[in-house]
Amino acid sequence: MPDSVRTDPITGNKIYYYSFDYGNTHFISIDFNATLTADSDQYRWLVGDLDSEPARSAKWIIVICHSPAYSSGGHGNNANIIN
């Protein structure tokens, strides 16, 4: 995991998406509180990350995020993650 949270050089906003490798596994952490449309910075970063050598040579790619897709709690299911 990253040692510190990155910031956008233009807006100064914190960036909470990142990737790391452990053994033969490539982990990708997505920020579902940020935009993930095809024209977003996070989406472009994700496409580039998936095309990187560590991701292409990994036996496993695991995507993680803070928010659950399905929940019986007060927040309910998250359609943005499910879709």
Protein backbone atom coordinates (compact mmCIF):
# COMPACT_ATOMS: atom_id res chain seq x y z
CA MET A 1 0.00 0.00 0.00
CA PRO A 2 1.18 3.55 -0.52
CA ASP A 3 3.07 5.26 2.28
CA SER A 4 0.97 8.41 1.97
CA VAL A 5 -2.11 9.63 0.16
CA ARG A 6 -1.38 11.24 -3.22
CA THR A 7 -2.85 14.60 -4.13
CA ASP A 8 -3.96 15.96 -7.47
CA PRO A 9 -1.39 18.58 -8.52
CA ILE A 10 -4.05 20.87 -9.98
CA THR A 11 -6.95 20.66 -7.50
CA GLY A 12 -5.05 19.55 -4.40
CA ASN A 13 -7.72 16.88 -3.79
CA LYS A 14 -6.61 13.63 -2.18
CA ILE A 15 -6.43 10.58 -4.48
CA TYR A 16 -7.47 7.34 -2.83
CA TYR A 17 -7.03 4.87 -5.69
CA TYR A 18 -3.80 2.91 -6.02
CA SER A 19 -2.34 -0.51 -6.74
CA PHE A 20 0.32 -2.71 -5.24
CA ASP A 21 1.78 -6.16 -5.76
CA TYR A 22 2.22 -8.99 -3.30
CA GLY A 23 3.79 -12.16 -4.62
CA ASN A 24 2.05 -13.12 -7.85
CA THR A 25 -1.03 -10.99 -7.07
CA HIS A 26 -1.78 -7.45 -8.27
CA PHE A 27 -4.16 -5.54 -5.97
CA ILE A 28 -6.12 -2.53 -7.21
CA SER A 29 -7.89 -0.23 -4.78
CA ILE A 30 -10.70 1.79 -6.36
CA ASP A 31 -12.27 4.91 -4.88
CA PHE A 32 -16.01 4.57 -5.49
CA ASN A 33 -16.56 7.99 -3.93
CA ALA A 34 -14.75 9.46 -6.95
CA THR A 35 -15.87 9.47 -10.57
CA LEU A 36 -15.20 6.27 -12.53
CA THR A 37 -16.58 7.16 -15.95
CA ALA A 38 -14.58 6.62 -19.14
CA ASP A 39 -13.44 10.26 -19.18
CA SER A 40 -12.33 10.39 -15.52
CA ASP A 41 -8.76 10.47 -14.23
CA GLN A 42 -9.40 7.36 -12.12
CA TYR A 43 -10.66 5.39 -15.13
CA ARG A 44 -7.65 6.42 -17.26
CA TRP A 45 -5.36 5.47 -14.37
CA LEU A 46 -7.14 2.08 -14.04
CA VAL A 47 -6.78 1.29 -17.75
CA GLY A 48 -3.09 2.18 -17.60
CA ASP A 49 -2.58 0.17 -14.43
CA LEU A 50 -4.24 -2.92 -15.93
CA ASP A 51 -1.94 -2.57 -18.94
CA SER A 52 1.19 -2.33 -16.75
CA GLU A 53 3.72 -5.14 -16.59
CA PRO A 54 2.94 -6.04 -12.95
CA ALA A 55 -0.76 -6.44 -13.76
CA ARG A 56 -0.19 -8.32 -17.02
CA SER A 57 2.23 -10.77 -15.41
CA ALA A 58 0.19 -11.35 -12.23
CA LYS A 59 -1.54 -14.69 -11.73
CA TRP A 60 -4.31 -12.94 -9.81
CA ILE A 61 -5.80 -9.43 -9.99
CA ILE A 62 -7.93 -8.47 -7.01
CA VAL A 63 -9.97 -5.28 -6.92
CA ILE A 64 -10.76 -3.85 -3.51
CA CYS A 65 -12.78 -0.87 -2.35
CA HIS A 66 -13.98 0.61 0.90
CA SER A 67 -17.69 0.52 0.11
CA PRO A 68 -19.44 -2.86 -0.17
CA ALA A 69 -21.52 -3.62 -3.25
CA TYR A 70 -24.17 -5.41 -1.22
CA SER A 71 -25.22 -4.50 2.31
CA SER A 72 -28.13 -5.21 4.60
CA GLY A 73 -27.09 -2.21 6.73
CA GLY A 74 -28.44 1.31 6.69
CA HIS A 75 -26.61 2.24 3.48
CA GLY A 76 -28.13 -0.63 1.50
CA ASN A 77 -26.76 -1.87 -1.80
CA ASN A 78 -24.54 0.34 -3.94
CA ALA A 79 -25.79 0.24 -7.55
CA ASN A 80 -22.68 2.13 -8.78
CA ILE A 81 -20.44 -0.70 -7.62
CA ILE A 82 -22.79 -3.49 -8.71
CA ASN A 83 -23.01 -2.10 -12.24
